[in-house]
């Protein structure tokens, strides 16, 4: 019999995603990884959009989500509650996703626009920037794929380590 585990201490902030299909895909993976919450900011479509329902396959009903007006204020709120603010981006100073540590949890993970990525102001507001190792020519992943890889790696790490500095 399948039992549902407690929610992983991972919150996603999806900022300015253009595609409702990408957003729906993230919701589906967020349900599979049983993460805590999804925050939607900027022009990211929300689960009232029919294309999200098409790709989320009902996950938009099981994952808590909130539309937020200001990303910076939301980041400050979660940081004040003890969350590490992380961005998922190929950027100067980024560290490998594989180098996540228990001290990074609980975590708010920011994912950005399909073309422009996480904007500079949100990168600066982040405590850490994670990058997914890539070995091909393009060095580019679809945002929903990248967020899915990150959620899996982060939740797996959290479940397999104590989250007090390991």
C-alpha atoms as a PDB file:
ATOM      1  CA  UNK A   1       0.000   0.000   0.000  1.00  0.00           C
ATOM      2  CA  UNK A   2       1.271   3.483  -0.886  1.00  0.00           C
ATOM      3  CA  UNK A   3       1.615   5.963   1.938  1.00  0.00           C
ATOM      4  CA  UNK A   4       2.156   9.682   1.533  1.00  0.00           C
ATOM      5  CA  UNK A   5       5.278  11.010   3.235  1.00  0.00           C
ATOM      6  CA  UNK A   6       5.447  14.389   4.968  1.00  0.00           C
ATOM      7  CA  UNK A   7       6.003  17.314   2.613  1.00  0.00           C
ATOM      8  CA  UNK A   8       9.637  18.059   1.798  1.00  0.00           C
ATOM      9  CA  UNK A   9      10.840  21.438   3.164  1.00  0.00           C
ATOM     10  CA  UNK A  10      11.177  22.836  -0.337  1.00  0.00           C
ATOM     11  CA  UNK A  11       9.261  25.811  -1.723  1.00  0.00           C
ATOM     12  CA  UNK A  12       9.459  26.775  -5.399  1.00  0.00           C
ATOM     13  CA  UNK A  13       9.228  30.329  -6.666  1.00  0.00           C
ATOM     14  CA  UNK A  14       8.411  30.287 -10.380  1.00  0.00           C
ATOM     15  CA  UNK A  15       9.148  33.771 -11.696  1.00  0.00           C
ATOM     16  CA  UNK A  16       7.981  34.937 -15.131  1.00  0.00           C
ATOM     17  CA  UNK A  17       7.538  31.524 -16.727  1.00  0.00           C
ATOM     18  CA  UNK A  18       5.927  32.094 -20.130  1.00  0.00           C
ATOM     19  CA  UNK A  19       4.559  28.636 -20.768  1.00  0.00           C
ATOM     20  CA  UNK A  20       1.504  27.258 -19.029  1.00  0.00           C
ATOM     21  CA  UNK A  21       2.696  23.818 -20.141  1.00  0.00           C
ATOM     22  CA  UNK A  22       5.991  24.290 -18.288  1.00  0.00           C
ATOM     23  CA  UNK A  23       4.145  25.513 -15.218  1.00  0.00           C
ATOM     24  CA  UNK A  24       1.789  22.514 -15.332  1.00  0.00           C
ATOM     25  CA  UNK A  25       4.719  20.155 -15.707  1.00  0.00           C
ATOM     26  CA  UNK A  26       6.381  21.694 -12.644  1.00  0.00           C
ATOM     27  CA  UNK A  27       3.162  21.179 -10.660  1.00  0.00           C
ATOM     28  CA  UNK A  28       3.060  17.523 -11.681  1.00  0.00           C
ATOM     29  CA  UNK A  29       6.640  16.978 -10.531  1.00  0.00           C
ATOM     30  CA  UNK A  30       6.042  19.036  -7.370  1.00  0.00           C
ATOM     31  CA  UNK A  31       3.251  16.619  -6.489  1.00  0.00           C
ATOM     32  CA  UNK A  32       5.468  13.598  -7.199  1.00  0.00           C
ATOM     33  CA  UNK A  33       8.195  15.033  -4.953  1.00  0.00           C
ATOM     34  CA  UNK A  34       5.581  16.121  -2.371  1.00  0.00           C
ATOM     35  CA  UNK A  35       7.125  19.567  -1.892  1.00  0.00           C
ATOM     36  CA  UNK A  36       5.760  22.122   0.514  1.00  0.00           C
ATOM     37  CA  UNK A  37       4.511  24.944  -1.716  1.00  0.00           C
ATOM     38  CA  UNK A  38       4.710  26.600  -5.152  1.00  0.00           C
ATOM     39  CA  UNK A  39       4.802  30.395  -5.410  1.00  0.00           C
ATOM     40  CA  UNK A  40       3.936  32.044  -8.723  1.00  0.00           C
ATOM     41  CA  UNK A  41       5.215  35.536  -9.483  1.00  0.00           C
ATOM     42  CA  UNK A  42       5.374  37.921 -12.391  1.00  0.00           C
ATOM     43  CA  UNK A  43       3.471  36.668 -15.415  1.00  0.00           C
ATOM     44  CA  UNK A  44       3.766  32.950 -14.574  1.00  0.00           C
ATOM     45  CA  UNK A  45       0.372  31.402 -15.386  1.00  0.00           C
ATOM     46  CA  UNK A  46      -1.551  29.917 -12.477  1.00  0.00           C
ATOM     47  CA  UNK A  47      -3.623  26.713 -12.220  1.00  0.00           C
ATOM     48  CA  UNK A  48      -6.778  28.446 -13.436  1.00  0.00           C
ATOM     49  CA  UNK A  49      -5.228  28.276 -16.947  1.00  0.00           C
ATOM     50  CA  UNK A  50      -6.570  25.272 -18.931  1.00  0.00           C
ATOM     51  CA  UNK A  51      -3.135  24.388 -20.362  1.00  0.00           C
ATOM     52  CA  UNK A  52      -1.811  23.929 -16.820  1.00  0.00           C
ATOM     53  CA  UNK A  53      -4.610  21.484 -16.058  1.00  0.00           C
ATOM     54  CA  UNK A  54      -3.702  19.577 -19.249  1.00  0.00           C
ATOM     55  CA  UNK A  55      -0.073  18.967 -18.227  1.00  0.00           C
ATOM     56  CA  UNK A  56      -0.472  18.919 -14.428  1.00  0.00           C
ATOM     57  CA  UNK A  57      -3.050  16.087 -14.646  1.00  0.00           C
ATOM     58  CA  UNK A  58      -4.663  17.075 -11.347  1.00  0.00           C
ATOM     59  CA  UNK A  59      -1.456  17.909  -9.467  1.00  0.00           C
ATOM     60  CA  UNK A  60      -2.546  21.542  -9.376  1.00  0.00           C
ATOM     61  CA  UNK A  61      -5.194  20.355  -6.894  1.00  0.00           C
ATOM     62  CA  UNK A  62      -2.756  18.574  -4.566  1.00  0.00           C
ATOM     63  CA  UNK A  63       0.149  21.033  -4.425  1.00  0.00           C
ATOM     64  CA  UNK A  64      -0.361  24.147  -2.285  1.00  0.00           C
ATOM     65  CA  UNK A  65       0.284  27.273  -4.350  1.00  0.00           C
ATOM     66  CA  UNK A  66       0.056  31.014  -3.993  1.00  0.00           C
ATOM     67  CA  UNK A  67       0.147  33.891  -6.470  1.00  0.00           C
ATOM     68  CA  UNK A  68       2.546  36.488  -5.002  1.00  0.00           C
ATOM     69  CA  UNK A  69       2.759  40.135  -6.010  1.00  0.00           C
ATOM     70  CA  UNK A  70       6.386  40.854  -5.179  1.00  0.00           C
ATOM     71  CA  UNK A  71       9.184  38.320  -5.386  1.00  0.00           C
ATOM     72  CA  UNK A  72      11.536  40.357  -3.166  1.00  0.00           C
ATOM     73  CA  UNK A  73       9.022  40.688  -0.334  1.00  0.00           C
ATOM     74  CA  UNK A  74       8.219  36.984  -0.590  1.00  0.00           C
ATOM     75  CA  UNK A  75      11.917  36.099  -0.457  1.00  0.00           C
ATOM     76  CA  UNK A  76      12.327  38.252   2.658  1.00  0.00           C
ATOM     77  CA  UNK A  77       9.325  36.556   4.292  1.00  0.00           C
ATOM     78  CA  UNK A  78      10.623  33.028   3.697  1.00  0.00           C
ATOM     79  CA  UNK A  79      14.168  33.992   4.723  1.00  0.00           C
ATOM     80  CA  UNK A  80      12.775  35.371   8.011  1.00  0.00           C
ATOM     81  CA  UNK A  81      11.182  31.951   8.567  1.00  0.00           C
ATOM     82  CA  UNK A  82      14.609  30.284   8.283  1.00  0.00           C
ATOM     83  CA  UNK A  83      14.594  29.245   4.628  1.00  0.00           C
ATOM     84  CA  UNK A  84      17.752  29.337   2.539  1.00  0.00           C
ATOM     85  CA  UNK A  85      17.067  31.271  -0.648  1.00  0.00           C
ATOM     86  CA  UNK A  86      18.488  29.427  -3.649  1.00  0.00           C
ATOM     87  CA  UNK A  87      18.322  30.084  -7.371  1.00  0.00           C
ATOM     88  CA  UNK A  88      18.589  27.529 -10.149  1.00  0.00           C
ATOM     89  CA  UNK A  89      20.752  29.143 -12.808  1.00  0.00           C
ATOM     90  CA  UNK A  90      24.005  28.891 -14.730  1.00  0.00           C
ATOM     91  CA  UNK A  91      25.680  31.987 -13.321  1.00  0.00           C
ATOM     92  CA  UNK A  92      29.056  33.164 -12.035  1.00  0.00           C
ATOM     93  CA  UNK A  93      29.626  31.809  -8.541  1.00  0.00           C
ATOM     94  CA  UNK A  94      27.085  29.005  -8.879  1.00  0.00           C
ATOM     95  CA  UNK A  95      27.764  25.664  -7.230  1.00  0.00           C
ATOM     96  CA  UNK A  96      26.871  22.204  -8.428  1.00  0.00           C
ATOM     97  CA  UNK A  97      23.449  20.967  -7.384  1.00  0.00           C
ATOM     98  CA  UNK A  98      25.273  17.862  -6.146  1.00  0.00           C
ATOM     99  CA  UNK A  99      26.969  20.066  -3.524  1.00  0.00           C
ATOM    100  CA  UNK A 100      23.725  20.724  -1.634  1.00  0.00           C
ATOM    101  CA  UNK A 101      24.092  20.357   2.138  1.00  0.00           C
ATOM    102  CA  UNK A 102      21.692  19.769   4.986  1.00  0.00           C
ATOM    103  CA  UNK A 103      22.257  23.334   6.171  1.00  0.00           C
ATOM    104  CA  UNK A 104      20.521  24.512   2.966  1.00  0.00           C
ATOM    105  CA  UNK A 105      17.171  23.229   4.283  1.00  0.00           C
ATOM    106  CA  UNK A 106      14.475  24.351   4.509  1.00  0.00           C
ATOM    107  CA  UNK A 107      14.845  25.954   1.078  1.00  0.00           C
ATOM    108  CA  UNK A 108      13.058  28.300  -1.272  1.00  0.00           C
ATOM    109  CA  UNK A 109      14.257  27.564  -4.825  1.00  0.00           C
ATOM    110  CA  UNK A 110      13.799  30.214  -7.534  1.00  0.00           C
ATOM    111  CA  UNK A 111      13.355  29.237 -11.179  1.00  0.00           C
ATOM    112  CA  UNK A 112      13.110  31.870 -13.888  1.00  0.00           C
ATOM    113  CA  UNK A 113      11.955  32.613 -17.389  1.00  0.00           C
ATOM    114  CA  UNK A 114      12.523  30.119 -20.201  1.00  0.00           C
ATOM    115  CA  UNK A 115      14.716  32.556 -22.165  1.00  0.00           C
ATOM    116  CA  UNK A 116      16.131  35.025 -19.633  1.00  0.00           C
ATOM    117  CA  UNK A 117      16.427  32.763 -16.573  1.00  0.00           C
ATOM    118  CA  UNK A 118      16.427  34.125 -13.038  1.00  0.00           C
ATOM    119  CA  UNK A 119      16.697  37.935 -13.146  1.00  0.00           C
ATOM    120  CA  UNK A 120      19.792  39.596 -11.643  1.00  0.00           C
ATOM    121  CA  UNK A 121      17.933  41.092  -8.661  1.00  0.00           C
ATOM    122  CA  UNK A 122      16.716  37.644  -7.591  1.00  0.00           C
ATOM    123  CA  UNK A 123      20.176  36.137  -8.103  1.00  0.00           C
ATOM    124  CA  UNK A 124      21.636  38.819  -5.814  1.00  0.00           C
ATOM    125  CA  UNK A 125      18.904  38.109  -3.249  1.00  0.00           C
ATOM    126  CA  UNK A 126      19.835  34.405  -3.221  1.00  0.00           C
ATOM    127  CA  UNK A 127      22.027  32.837  -0.551  1.00  0.00           C
ATOM    128  CA  UNK A 128      23.227  30.211  -3.026  1.00  0.00           C
ATOM    129  CA  UNK A 129      22.929  29.586  -6.761  1.00  0.00           C
ATOM    130  CA  UNK A 130      22.749  25.977  -7.894  1.00  0.00           C
ATOM    131  CA  UNK A 131      23.695  24.783 -11.351  1.00  0.00           C
ATOM    132  CA  UNK A 132      22.898  21.434 -12.961  1.00  0.00           C
ATOM    133  CA  UNK A 133      25.948  19.779 -14.515  1.00  0.00           C
ATOM    134  CA  UNK A 134      25.481  19.371 -18.263  1.00  0.00           C
ATOM    135  CA  UNK A 135      27.696  17.534 -20.693  1.00  0.00           C
ATOM    136  CA  UNK A 136      26.250  18.232 -24.143  1.00  0.00           C
ATOM    137  CA  UNK A 137      26.799  20.905 -26.736  1.00  0.00           C
ATOM    138  CA  UNK A 138      23.799  23.169 -25.991  1.00  0.00           C
ATOM    139  CA  UNK A 139      24.280  23.488 -22.223  1.00  0.00           C
ATOM    140  CA  UNK A 140      20.577  24.264 -21.925  1.00  0.00           C
ATOM    141  CA  UNK A 141      17.602  22.544 -20.316  1.00  0.00           C
ATOM    142  CA  UNK A 142      13.896  23.307 -20.537  1.00  0.00           C
ATOM    143  CA  UNK A 143      12.872  25.056 -17.301  1.00  0.00           C
ATOM    144  CA  UNK A 144      10.391  22.342 -16.308  1.00  0.00           C
ATOM    145  CA  UNK A 145      13.028  19.663 -16.868  1.00  0.00           C
ATOM    146  CA  UNK A 146      15.644  21.616 -14.891  1.00  0.00           C
ATOM    147  CA  UNK A 147      13.234  22.225 -12.022  1.00  0.00           C
ATOM    148  CA  UNK A 148      12.256  18.543 -12.071  1.00  0.00           C
ATOM    149  CA  UNK A 149      15.886  17.456 -11.852  1.00  0.00           C
ATOM    150  CA  UNK A 150      16.484  19.928  -9.031  1.00  0.00           C
ATOM    151  CA  UNK A 151      13.384  18.901  -7.065  1.00  0.00           C
ATOM    152  CA  UNK A 152      14.300  15.231  -7.315  1.00  0.00           C
ATOM    153  CA  UNK A 153      17.904  15.821  -6.261  1.00  0.00           C
ATOM    154  CA  UNK A 154      16.952  18.118  -3.379  1.00  0.00           C
ATOM    155  CA  UNK A 155      14.148  15.945  -2.025  1.00  0.00           C
ATOM    156  CA  UNK A 156      16.285  12.809  -2.372  1.00  0.00           C
ATOM    157  CA  UNK A 157      19.113  14.517  -0.494  1.00  0.00           C
ATOM    158  CA  UNK A 158      16.750  15.698   2.237  1.00  0.00           C
ATOM    159  CA  UNK A 159      15.227  12.250   2.685  1.00  0.00           C
ATOM    160  CA  UNK A 160      18.568  10.478   2.755  1.00  0.00           C
ATOM    161  CA  UNK A 161      20.462  12.859   5.097  1.00  0.00           C
ATOM    162  CA  UNK A 162      19.740  14.533   8.328  1.00  0.00           C
ATOM    163  CA  UNK A 163      19.208  18.192   7.486  1.00  0.00           C
ATOM    164  CA  UNK A 164      21.460  19.577  10.208  1.00  0.00           C
ATOM    165  CA  UNK A 165      24.621  20.288   8.297  1.00  0.00           C
ATOM    166  CA  UNK A 166      25.483  16.995   6.588  1.00  0.00           C
END
